[in-house]
Amino acid sequence: MFPGLTTRLSSISKASATTIDGDKDLIVLTGTTAIATINPKVPNKASQAQVIMLIPVDGAVATTTAGNIAVVQSMLQNKVTVMVWNPIQAKWYPHALA
């Protein structure tokens, strides 16, 4: 996939919550509620690796390990966090921050 060349990224704005749907490629998060679970983009295809990008706009948003996210991560306000769905562990993994 070559975003912008052969395909377009889908996007949506939604409130940060304990559980969110990862139903679009780019998700702009409002609010600052910690996220524990992200439902895969295509639930019946949850056995396939997936990638989403999250942008919190109202402040930092944390992830927790109470659901299907592998590590605790603080997503910085107005910065993109890339999350990768690993179907083998059934967990989302955020990109590494230095």
PDB file of N, CA and C in Angstrom:
ATOM      1  N   MET A   1       0.840  -1.182   0.000  1.00  0.00           N
ATOM      2  CA  MET A   1       0.000   0.000   0.000  1.00  0.00           C
ATOM      3  C   MET A   1       0.878   1.235   0.000  1.00  0.00           C
ATOM      4  N   PHE A   2       0.539   2.194  -0.822  1.00  0.00           N
ATOM      5  CA  PHE A   2       1.238   3.452  -0.897  1.00  0.00           C
ATOM      6  C   PHE A   2       0.232   4.568  -0.629  1.00  0.00           C
ATOM      7  N   PRO A   3       0.065   4.966   0.644  1.00  0.00           N
ATOM      8  CA  PRO A   3      -0.934   5.982   0.967  1.00  0.00           C
ATOM      9  C   PRO A   3      -0.757   7.244   0.126  1.00  0.00           C
ATOM     10  N   GLY A   4      -1.844   7.688  -0.428  1.00  0.00           N
ATOM     11  CA  GLY A   4      -1.843   8.893  -1.228  1.00  0.00           C
ATOM     12  C   GLY A   4      -1.526   8.660  -2.698  1.00  0.00           C
ATOM     13  N   LEU A   5      -0.921   7.526  -3.026  1.00  0.00           N
ATOM     14  CA  LEU A   5      -0.601   7.253  -4.427  1.00  0.00           C
ATOM     15  C   LEU A   5      -1.612   6.306  -5.048  1.00  0.00           C
ATOM     16  N   THR A   6      -1.837   5.180  -4.404  1.00  0.00           N
ATOM     17  CA  THR A   6      -2.787   4.216  -4.950  1.00  0.00           C
ATOM     18  C   THR A   6      -4.020   4.055  -4.070  1.00  0.00           C
ATOM     19  N   THR A   7      -3.917   4.444  -2.827  1.00  0.00           N
ATOM     20  CA  THR A   7      -5.048   4.341  -1.902  1.00  0.00           C
ATOM     21  C   THR A   7      -5.110   5.598  -1.048  1.00  0.00           C
ATOM     22  N   ARG A   8      -6.198   5.765  -0.363  1.00  0.00           N
ATOM     23  CA  ARG A   8      -6.365   6.889   0.556  1.00  0.00           C
ATOM     24  C   ARG A   8      -6.583   6.328   1.954  1.00  0.00           C
ATOM     25  N   LEU A   9      -6.009   6.990   2.946  1.00  0.00           N
ATOM     26  CA  LEU A   9      -6.232   6.579   4.320  1.00  0.00           C
ATOM     27  C   LEU A   9      -7.624   7.010   4.747  1.00  0.00           C
ATOM     28  N   SER A  10      -8.299   6.154   5.480  1.00  0.00           N
ATOM     29  CA  SER A  10      -9.590   6.535   6.042  1.00  0.00           C
ATOM     30  C   SER A  10      -9.318   7.198   7.389  1.00  0.00           C
ATOM     31  N   SER A  11     -10.145   8.165   7.767  1.00  0.00           N
ATOM     32  CA  SER A  11      -9.921   8.865   9.033  1.00  0.00           C
ATOM     33  C   SER A  11     -11.241   9.171   9.717  1.00  0.00           C
ATOM     34  N   ILE A  12     -11.132   9.375  11.037  1.00  0.00           N
ATOM     35  CA  ILE A  12     -12.306   9.675  11.852  1.00  0.00           C
ATOM     36  C   ILE A  12     -11.830  10.382  13.122  1.00  0.00           C
ATOM     37  N   SER A  13     -12.711  11.159  13.712  1.00  0.00           N
ATOM     38  CA  SER A  13     -12.458  11.754  15.018  1.00  0.00           C
ATOM     39  C   SER A  13     -13.392  11.074  16.003  1.00  0.00           C
ATOM     40  N   LYS A  14     -12.835  10.656  17.147  1.00  0.00           N
ATOM     41  CA  LYS A  14     -13.675  10.017  18.161  1.00  0.00           C
ATOM     42  C   LYS A  14     -13.135  10.301  19.545  1.00  0.00           C
ATOM     43  N   ALA A  15     -14.012  10.193  20.528  1.00  0.00           N
ATOM     44  CA  ALA A  15     -13.619  10.421  21.915  1.00  0.00           C
ATOM     45  C   ALA A  15     -12.767   9.266  22.426  1.00  0.00           C
ATOM     46  N   SER A  16     -11.724   9.612  23.146  1.00  0.00           N
ATOM     47  CA  SER A  16     -10.905   8.599  23.793  1.00  0.00           C
ATOM     48  C   SER A  16     -11.762   7.894  24.845  1.00  0.00           C
ATOM     49  N   ALA A  17     -11.645   6.585  24.941  1.00  0.00           N
ATOM     50  CA  ALA A  17     -12.446   5.801  25.876  1.00  0.00           C
ATOM     51  C   ALA A  17     -11.677   4.539  26.247  1.00  0.00           C
ATOM     52  N   THR A  18     -12.135   3.838  27.244  1.00  0.00           N
ATOM     53  CA  THR A  18     -11.479   2.599  27.666  1.00  0.00           C
ATOM     54  C   THR A  18     -11.394   1.613  26.514  1.00  0.00           C
ATOM     55  N   THR A  19     -12.452   1.536  25.691  1.00  0.00           N
ATOM     56  CA  THR A  19     -12.461   0.691  24.500  1.00  0.00           C
ATOM     57  C   THR A  19     -12.825   1.552  23.298  1.00  0.00           C
ATOM     58  N   ILE A  20     -12.017   1.466  22.254  1.00  0.00           N
ATOM     59  CA  ILE A  20     -12.344   2.173  21.014  1.00  0.00           C
ATOM     60  C   ILE A  20     -12.292   1.181  19.856  1.00  0.00           C
ATOM     61  N   ASP A  21     -12.979   1.526  18.794  1.00  0.00           N
ATOM     62  CA  ASP A  21     -12.916   0.730  17.570  1.00  0.00           C
ATOM     63  C   ASP A  21     -11.786   1.272  16.712  1.00  0.00           C
ATOM     64  N   GLY A  22     -10.899   0.408  16.282  1.00  0.00           N
ATOM     65  CA  GLY A  22      -9.830   0.795  15.373  1.00  0.00           C
ATOM     66  C   GLY A  22     -10.303   0.643  13.950  1.00  0.00           C
ATOM     67  N   ASP A  23     -11.435   1.271  13.640  1.00  0.00           N
ATOM     68  CA  ASP A  23     -12.124   1.049  12.372  1.00  0.00           C
ATOM     69  C   ASP A  23     -11.646   1.916  11.216  1.00  0.00           C
ATOM     70  N   LYS A  24     -10.713   2.802  11.473  1.00  0.00           N
ATOM     71  CA  LYS A  24     -10.168   3.657  10.414  1.00  0.00           C
ATOM     72  C   LYS A  24      -8.645   3.610  10.492  1.00  0.00           C
ATOM     73  N   ASP A  25      -7.986   4.083   9.449  1.00  0.00           N
ATOM     74  CA  ASP A  25      -6.523   4.098   9.423  1.00  0.00           C
ATOM     75  C   ASP A  25      -5.954   5.171  10.343  1.00  0.00           C
ATOM     76  N   LEU A  26      -6.589   6.341  10.360  1.00  0.00           N
ATOM     77  CA  LEU A  26      -6.144   7.478  11.153  1.00  0.00           C
ATOM     78  C   LEU A  26      -7.280   7.882  12.085  1.00  0.00           C
ATOM     79  N   ILE A  27      -7.005   7.859  13.394  1.00  0.00           N
ATOM     80  CA  ILE A  27      -8.035   8.187  14.379  1.00  0.00           C
ATOM     81  C   ILE A  27      -7.557   9.378  15.201  1.00  0.00           C
ATOM     82  N   VAL A  28      -8.294  10.486  15.109  1.00  0.00           N
ATOM     83  CA  VAL A  28      -8.014  11.666  15.907  1.00  0.00           C
ATOM     84  C   VAL A  28      -8.797  11.512  17.210  1.00  0.00           C
ATOM     85  N   LEU A  29      -8.075  11.500  18.333  1.00  0.00           N
ATOM     86  CA  LEU A  29      -8.710  11.266  19.639  1.00  0.00           C
ATOM     87  C   LEU A  29      -8.960  12.570  20.373  1.00  0.00           C
ATOM     88  N   THR A  30     -10.195  12.771  20.818  1.00  0.00           N
ATOM     89  CA  THR A  30     -10.517  13.898  21.683  1.00  0.00           C
ATOM     90  C   THR A  30     -10.621  13.357  23.106  1.00  0.00           C
ATOM     91  N   GLY A  31     -10.394  14.215  24.076  1.00  0.00           N
ATOM     92  CA  GLY A  31     -10.423  13.776  25.469  1.00  0.00           C
ATOM     93  C   GLY A  31      -9.102  13.125  25.861  1.00  0.00           C
ATOM     94  N   THR A  32      -9.034  12.681  27.123  1.00  0.00           N
ATOM     95  CA  THR A  32      -7.773  12.122  27.628  1.00  0.00           C
ATOM     96  C   THR A  32      -7.962  10.807  28.385  1.00  0.00           C
ATOM     97  N   THR A  33      -9.079  10.136  28.179  1.00  0.00           N
ATOM     98  CA  THR A  33      -9.326   8.855  28.849  1.00  0.00           C
ATOM     99  C   THR A  33      -8.329   7.805  28.365  1.00  0.00           C
ATOM    100  N   ALA A  34      -7.764   7.039  29.298  1.00  0.00           N
ATOM    101  CA  ALA A  34      -6.812   5.980  28.947  1.00  0.00           C
ATOM    102  C   ALA A  34      -7.510   4.891  28.129  1.00  0.00           C
ATOM    103  N   ILE A  35      -6.775   4.308  27.197  1.00  0.00           N
ATOM    104  CA  ILE A  35      -7.310   3.269  26.311  1.00  0.00           C
ATOM    105  C   ILE A  35      -6.738   1.916  26.715  1.00  0.00           C
ATOM    106  N   ALA A  36      -7.616   0.943  26.957  1.00  0.00           N
ATOM    107  CA  ALA A  36      -7.192  -0.417  27.319  1.00  0.00           C
ATOM    108  C   ALA A  36      -7.389  -1.396  26.172  1.00  0.00           C
ATOM    109  N   THR A  37      -8.412  -1.164  25.347  1.00  0.00           N
ATOM    110  CA  THR A  37      -8.747  -2.098  24.280  1.00  0.00           C
ATOM    111  C   THR A  37      -9.028  -1.341  22.990  1.00  0.00           C
ATOM    112  N   ILE A  38      -8.442  -1.841  21.908  1.00  0.00           N
ATOM    113  CA  ILE A  38      -8.744  -1.328  20.572  1.00  0.00           C
ATOM    114  C   ILE A  38      -9.249  -2.511  19.759  1.00  0.00           C
ATOM    115  N   ASN A  39     -10.489  -2.425  19.334  1.00  0.00           N
ATOM    116  CA  ASN A  39     -11.035  -3.494  18.493  1.00  0.00           C
ATOM    117  C   ASN A  39     -10.376  -3.414  17.120  1.00  0.00           C
ATOM    118  N   PRO A  40      -9.934  -4.544  16.561  1.00  0.00           N
ATOM    119  CA  PRO A  40      -9.311  -4.527  15.236  1.00  0.00           C
ATOM    120  C   PRO A  40     -10.229  -3.900  14.191  1.00  0.00           C
ATOM    121  N   LYS A  41      -9.600  -3.317  13.158  1.00  0.00           N
ATOM    122  CA  LYS A  41     -10.337  -2.647  12.085  1.00  0.00           C
ATOM    123  C   LYS A  41     -11.415  -3.529  11.482  1.00  0.00           C
ATOM    124  N   VAL A  42     -11.062  -4.729  11.149  1.00  0.00           N
ATOM    125  CA  VAL A  42     -11.995  -5.655  10.524  1.00  0.00           C
ATOM    126  C   VAL A  42     -12.060  -6.894  11.415  1.00  0.00           C
ATOM    127  N   PRO A  43     -13.036  -6.947  12.345  1.00  0.00           N
ATOM    128  CA  PRO A  43     -13.069  -8.038  13.322  1.00  0.00           C
ATOM    129  C   PRO A  43     -13.009  -9.436  12.718  1.00  0.00           C
ATOM    130  N   ASN A  44     -13.675  -9.665  11.598  1.00  0.00           N
ATOM    131  CA  ASN A  44     -13.644 -11.003  11.016  1.00  0.00           C
ATOM    132  C   ASN A  44     -12.311 -11.284  10.321  1.00  0.00           C
ATOM    133  N   LYS A  45     -11.442 -10.285  10.264  1.00  0.00           N
ATOM    134  CA  LYS A  45     -10.100 -10.454   9.706  1.00  0.00           C
ATOM    135  C   LYS A  45      -9.055 -10.239  10.800  1.00  0.00           C
ATOM    136  N   ALA A  46      -9.438 -10.440  12.057  1.00  0.00           N
ATOM    137  CA  ALA A  46      -8.537 -10.187  13.184  1.00  0.00           C
ATOM    138  C   ALA A  46      -7.316 -11.086  13.147  1.00  0.00           C
ATOM    139  N   SER A  47      -7.316 -12.098  12.283  1.00  0.00           N
ATOM    140  CA  SER A  47      -6.155 -12.972  12.161  1.00  0.00           C
ATOM    141  C   SER A  47      -5.097 -12.359  11.246  1.00  0.00           C
ATOM    142  N   GLN A  48      -5.349 -11.177  10.689  1.00  0.00           N
ATOM    143  CA  GLN A  48      -4.390 -10.500   9.827  1.00  0.00           C
ATOM    144  C   GLN A  48      -3.762  -9.326  10.558  1.00  0.00           C
ATOM    145  N   ALA A  49      -2.477  -9.084  10.306  1.00  0.00           N
ATOM    146  CA  ALA A  49      -1.817  -7.918  10.883  1.00  0.00           C
ATOM    147  C   ALA A  49      -2.488  -6.644  10.361  1.00  0.00           C
ATOM    148  N   GLN A  50      -2.561  -5.631  11.210  1.00  0.00           N
ATOM    149  CA  GLN A  50      -3.195  -4.374  10.852  1.00  0.00           C
ATOM    150  C   GLN A  50      -2.391  -3.222  11.423  1.00  0.00           C
ATOM    151  N   VAL A  51      -2.526  -2.039  10.836  1.00  0.00           N
ATOM    152  CA  VAL A  51      -1.837  -0.838  11.302  1.00  0.00           C
ATOM    153  C   VAL A  51      -2.857   0.288  11.409  1.00  0.00           C
ATOM    154  N   ILE A  52      -2.806   1.031  12.520  1.00  0.00           N
ATOM    155  CA  ILE A  52      -3.610   2.246  12.668  1.00  0.00           C
ATOM    156  C   ILE A  52      -2.710   3.342  13.228  1.00  0.00           C
ATOM    157  N   MET A  53      -3.134   4.585  13.055  1.00  0.00           N
ATOM    158  CA  MET A  53      -2.418   5.736  13.596  1.00  0.00           C
ATOM    159  C   MET A  53      -3.376   6.519  14.481  1.00  0.00           C
ATOM    160  N   LEU A  54      -2.907   6.883  15.660  1.00  0.00           N
ATOM    161  CA  LEU A  54      -3.719   7.627  16.623  1.00  0.00           C
ATOM    162  C   LEU A  54      -3.081   8.991  16.877  1.00  0.00           C
ATOM    163  N   ILE A  55      -3.921  10.044  16.928  1.00  0.00           N
ATOM    164  CA  ILE A  55      -3.438  11.388  17.244  1.00  0.00           C
ATOM    165  C   ILE A  55      -4.311  11.977  18.346  1.00  0.00           C
ATOM    166  N   PRO A  56      -3.814  12.039  19.593  1.00  0.00           N
ATOM    167  CA  PRO A  56      -4.578  12.707  20.646  1.00  0.00           C
ATOM    168  C   PRO A  56      -4.440  14.229  20.504  1.00  0.00           C
ATOM    169  N   VAL A  57      -5.555  14.951  20.513  1.00  0.00           N
ATOM    170  CA  VAL A  57      -5.504  16.398  20.298  1.00  0.00           C
ATOM    171  C   VAL A  57      -5.827  17.234  21.538  1.00  0.00           C
ATOM    172  N   ASP A  58      -6.352  16.629  22.589  1.00  0.00           N
ATOM    173  CA  ASP A  58      -6.717  17.396  23.781  1.00  0.00           C
ATOM    174  C   ASP A  58      -5.733  17.235  24.925  1.00  0.00           C
ATOM    175  N   GLY A  59      -4.680  16.478  24.742  1.00  0.00           N
ATOM    176  CA  GLY A  59      -3.697  16.195  25.783  1.00  0.00           C
ATOM    177  C   GLY A  59      -3.169  14.793  25.586  1.00  0.00           C
ATOM    178  N   ALA A  60      -2.205  14.426  26.418  1.00  0.00           N
ATOM    179  CA  ALA A  60      -1.637  13.079  26.328  1.00  0.00           C
ATOM    180  C   ALA A  60      -2.703  12.037  26.665  1.00  0.00           C
ATOM    181  N   VAL A  61      -2.658  10.920  25.970  1.00  0.00           N
ATOM    182  CA  VAL A  61      -3.560   9.796  26.235  1.00  0.00           C
ATOM    183  C   VAL A  61      -2.697   8.570  26.474  1.00  0.00           C
ATOM    184  N   ALA A  62      -2.956   7.870  27.567  1.00  0.00           N
ATOM    185  CA  ALA A  62      -2.183   6.677  27.901  1.00  0.00           C
ATOM    186  C   ALA A  62      -2.891   5.423  27.407  1.00  0.00           C
ATOM    187  N   THR A  63      -2.102   4.378  27.221  1.00  0.00           N
ATOM    188  CA  THR A  63      -2.676   3.059  27.004  1.00  0.00           C
ATOM    189  C   THR A  63      -2.422   2.245  28.271  1.00  0.00           C
ATOM    190  N   THR A  64      -3.234   1.239  28.481  1.00  0.00           N
ATOM    191  CA  THR A  64      -3.027   0.334  29.607  1.00  0.00           C
ATOM    192  C   THR A  64      -2.943  -1.095  29.068  1.00  0.00           C
ATOM    193  N   THR A  65      -2.505  -1.996  29.918  1.00  0.00           N
ATOM    194  CA  THR A  65      -2.397  -3.401  29.504  1.00  0.00           C
ATOM    195  C   THR A  65      -3.584  -4.220  29.996  1.00  0.00           C
ATOM    196  N   ALA A  66      -4.653  -3.550  30.420  1.00  0.00           N
ATOM    197  CA  ALA A  66      -5.827  -4.256  30.935  1.00  0.00           C
ATOM    198  C   ALA A  66      -6.630  -4.953  29.838  1.00  0.00           C
ATOM    199  N   GLY A  67      -6.391  -4.583  28.593  1.00  0.00           N
ATOM    200  CA  GLY A  67      -7.128  -5.174  27.473  1.00  0.00           C
ATOM    201  C   GLY A  67      -6.188  -5.832  26.489  1.00  0.00           C
ATOM    202  N   ASN A  68      -6.249  -5.387  25.225  1.00  0.00           N
ATOM    203  CA  ASN A  68      -5.453  -6.031  24.184  1.00  0.00           C
ATOM    204  C   ASN A  68      -4.294  -5.170  23.678  1.00  0.00           C
ATOM    205  N   ILE A  69      -3.770  -4.309  24.539  1.00  0.00           N
ATOM    206  CA  ILE A  69      -2.602  -3.498  24.191  1.00  0.00           C
ATOM    207  C   ILE A  69      -1.417  -4.041  24.985  1.00  0.00           C
ATOM    208  N   ALA A  70      -0.308  -4.283  24.304  1.00  0.00           N
ATOM    209  CA  ALA A  70       0.819  -5.008  24.893  1.00  0.00           C
ATOM    210  C   ALA A  70       1.570  -4.240  25.972  1.00  0.00           C
ATOM    211  N   VAL A  71       1.695  -2.923  25.828  1.00  0.00           N
ATOM    212  CA  VAL A  71       2.491  -2.150  26.777  1.00  0.00           C
ATOM    213  C   VAL A  71       1.797  -0.843  27.132  1.00  0.00           C
ATOM    214  N   VAL A  72       2.149  -0.321  28.286  1.00  0.00           N
ATOM    215  CA  VAL A  72       1.675   1.002  28.682  1.00  0.00           C
ATOM    216  C   VAL A  72       2.470   2.034  27.885  1.00  0.00           C
ATOM    217  N   GLN A  73       1.753   2.971  27.303  1.00  0.00           N
ATOM    218  CA  GLN A  73       2.395   4.000  26.480  1.00  0.00           C
ATOM    219  C   GLN A  73       1.658   5.311  26.705  1.00  0.00           C
ATOM    220  N   SER A  74       2.401   6.400  26.800  1.00  0.00           N
ATOM    221  CA  SER A  74       1.781   7.716  26.844  1.00  0.00           C
ATOM    222  C   SER A  74       1.887   8.322  25.459  1.00  0.00           C
ATOM    223  N   MET A  75       0.741   8.487  24.808  1.00  0.00           N
ATOM    224  CA  MET A  75       0.717   9.090  23.477  1.00  0.00           C
ATOM    225  C   MET A  75       0.712  10.608  23.650  1.00  0.00           C
ATOM    226  N   LEU A  76       1.661  11.276  23.051  1.00  0.00           N
ATOM    227  CA  LEU A  76       1.823  12.706  23.221  1.00  0.00           C
ATOM    228  C   LEU A  76       0.795  13.488  22.401  1.00  0.00           C
ATOM    229  N   GLN A  77       0.345  14.597  22.973  1.00  0.00           N
ATOM    230  CA  GLN A  77      -0.629  15.448  22.291  1.00  0.00           C
ATOM    231  C   GLN A  77      -0.079  15.917  20.940  1.00  0.00           C
ATOM    232  N   ASN A  78      -0.928  15.852  19.929  1.00  0.00           N
ATOM    233  CA  ASN A  78      -0.621  16.303  18.571  1.00  0.00           C
ATOM    234  C   ASN A  78       0.550  15.566  17.923  1.00  0.00           C
ATOM    235  N   LYS A  79       0.844  14.368  18.394  1.00  0.00           N
ATOM    236  CA  LYS A  79       1.873  13.516  17.796  1.00  0.00           C
ATOM    237  C   LYS A  79       1.216  12.208  17.367  1.00  0.00           C
ATOM    238  N   VAL A  80       1.666  11.648  16.259  1.00  0.00           N
ATOM    239  CA  VAL A  80       1.107  10.401  15.743  1.00  0.00           C
ATOM    240  C   VAL A  80       1.714   9.209  16.476  1.00  0.00           C
ATOM    241  N   THR A  81       0.867   8.307  16.946  1.00  0.00           N
ATOM    242  CA  THR A  81       1.309   7.032  17.495  1.00  0.00           C
ATOM    243  C   THR A  81       0.822   5.944  16.557  1.00  0.00           C
ATOM    244  N   VAL A  82       1.750   5.160  16.050  1.00  0.00           N
ATOM    245  CA  VAL A  82       1.413   4.062  15.154  1.00  0.00           C
ATOM    246  C   VAL A  82       1.229   2.807  15.992  1.00  0.00           C
ATOM    247  N   MET A  83       0.119   2.110  15.784  1.00  0.00           N
ATOM    248  CA  MET A  83      -0.173   0.868  16.495  1.00  0.00           C
ATOM    249  C   MET A  83      -0.257  -0.264  15.473  1.00  0.00           C
ATOM    250  N   VAL A  84       0.397  -1.383  15.793  1.00  0.00           N
ATOM    251  CA  VAL A  84       0.406  -2.542  14.914  1.00  0.00           C
ATOM    252  C   VAL A  84      -0.289  -3.701  15.619  1.00  0.00           C
ATOM    253  N   TRP A  85      -1.268  -4.306  14.958  1.00  0.00           N
ATOM    254  CA  TRP A  85      -1.998  -5.469  15.486  1.00  0.00           C
ATOM    255  C   TRP A  85      -1.211  -6.722  15.144  1.00  0.00           C
ATOM    256  N   ASN A  86      -0.823  -7.472  16.177  1.00  0.00           N
ATOM    257  CA  ASN A  86      -0.143  -8.746  15.996  1.00  0.00           C
ATOM    258  C   ASN A  86      -1.160  -9.846  16.260  1.00  0.00           C
ATOM    259  N   PRO A  87      -1.625 -10.530  15.223  1.00  0.00           N
ATOM    260  CA  PRO A  87      -2.675 -11.528  15.414  1.00  0.00           C
ATOM    261  C   PRO A  87      -2.208 -12.776  16.172  1.00  0.00           C
ATOM    262  N   ILE A  88      -0.911 -13.015  16.216  1.00  0.00           N
ATOM    263  CA  ILE A  88      -0.408 -14.191  16.928  1.00  0.00           C
ATOM    264  C   ILE A  88      -0.626 -14.036  18.427  1.00  0.00           C
ATOM    265  N   GLN A  89      -0.311 -12.855  18.978  1.00  0.00           N
ATOM    266  CA  GLN A  89      -0.549 -12.591  20.393  1.00  0.00           C
ATOM    267  C   GLN A  89      -1.902 -11.928  20.649  1.00  0.00           C
ATOM    268  N   ALA A  90      -2.592 -11.533  19.592  1.00  0.00           N
ATOM    269  CA  ALA A  90      -3.854 -10.795  19.697  1.00  0.00           C
ATOM    270  C   ALA A  90      -3.667  -9.543  20.550  1.00  0.00           C
ATOM    271  N   LYS A  91      -2.617  -8.781  20.212  1.00  0.00           N
ATOM    272  CA  LYS A  91      -2.279  -7.547  20.934  1.00  0.00           C
ATOM    273  C   LYS A  91      -1.894  -6.450  19.946  1.00  0.00           C
ATOM    274  N   TRP A  92      -2.147  -5.210  20.373  1.00  0.00           N
ATOM    275  CA  TRP A  92      -1.666  -4.031  19.661  1.00  0.00           C
ATOM    276  C   TRP A  92      -0.320  -3.648  20.250  1.00  0.00           C
ATOM    277  N   TYR A  93       0.624  -3.288  19.386  1.00  0.00           N
ATOM    278  CA  TYR A  93       1.945  -2.845  19.814  1.00  0.00           C
ATOM    279  C   TYR A  93       2.185  -1.434  19.291  1.00  0.00           C
ATOM    280  N   PRO A  94       2.483  -0.470  20.200  1.00  0.00           N
ATOM    281  CA  PRO A  94       2.790   0.898  19.740  1.00  0.00           C
ATOM    282  C   PRO A  94       4.207   0.960  19.213  1.00  0.00           C
ATOM    283  N   HIS A  95       4.457   1.952  18.372  1.00  0.00           N
ATOM    284  CA  HIS A  95       5.821   2.140  17.886  1.00  0.00           C
ATOM    285  C   HIS A  95       6.709   2.531  19.064  1.00  0.00           C
ATOM    286  N   ALA A  96       7.983   2.313  18.921  1.00  0.00           N
ATOM    287  CA  ALA A  96       8.933   2.613  19.990  1.00  0.00           C
ATOM    288  C   ALA A  96       9.242   4.097  20.024  1.00  0.00           C
ATOM    289  N   LEU A  97       9.234   4.668  21.215  1.00  0.00           N
ATOM    290  CA  LEU A  97       9.629   6.060  21.398  1.00  0.00           C
ATOM    291  C   LEU A  97      11.025   6.068  22.017  1.00  0.00           C
ATOM    292  N   ALA A  98      11.839   7.026  21.592  1.00  0.00           N
ATOM    293  CA  ALA A  98      13.194   7.115  22.165  1.00  0.00           C
ATOM    294  C   ALA A  98      13.136   7.767  23.526  1.00  0.00           C
TER     295      ALA A  98
END
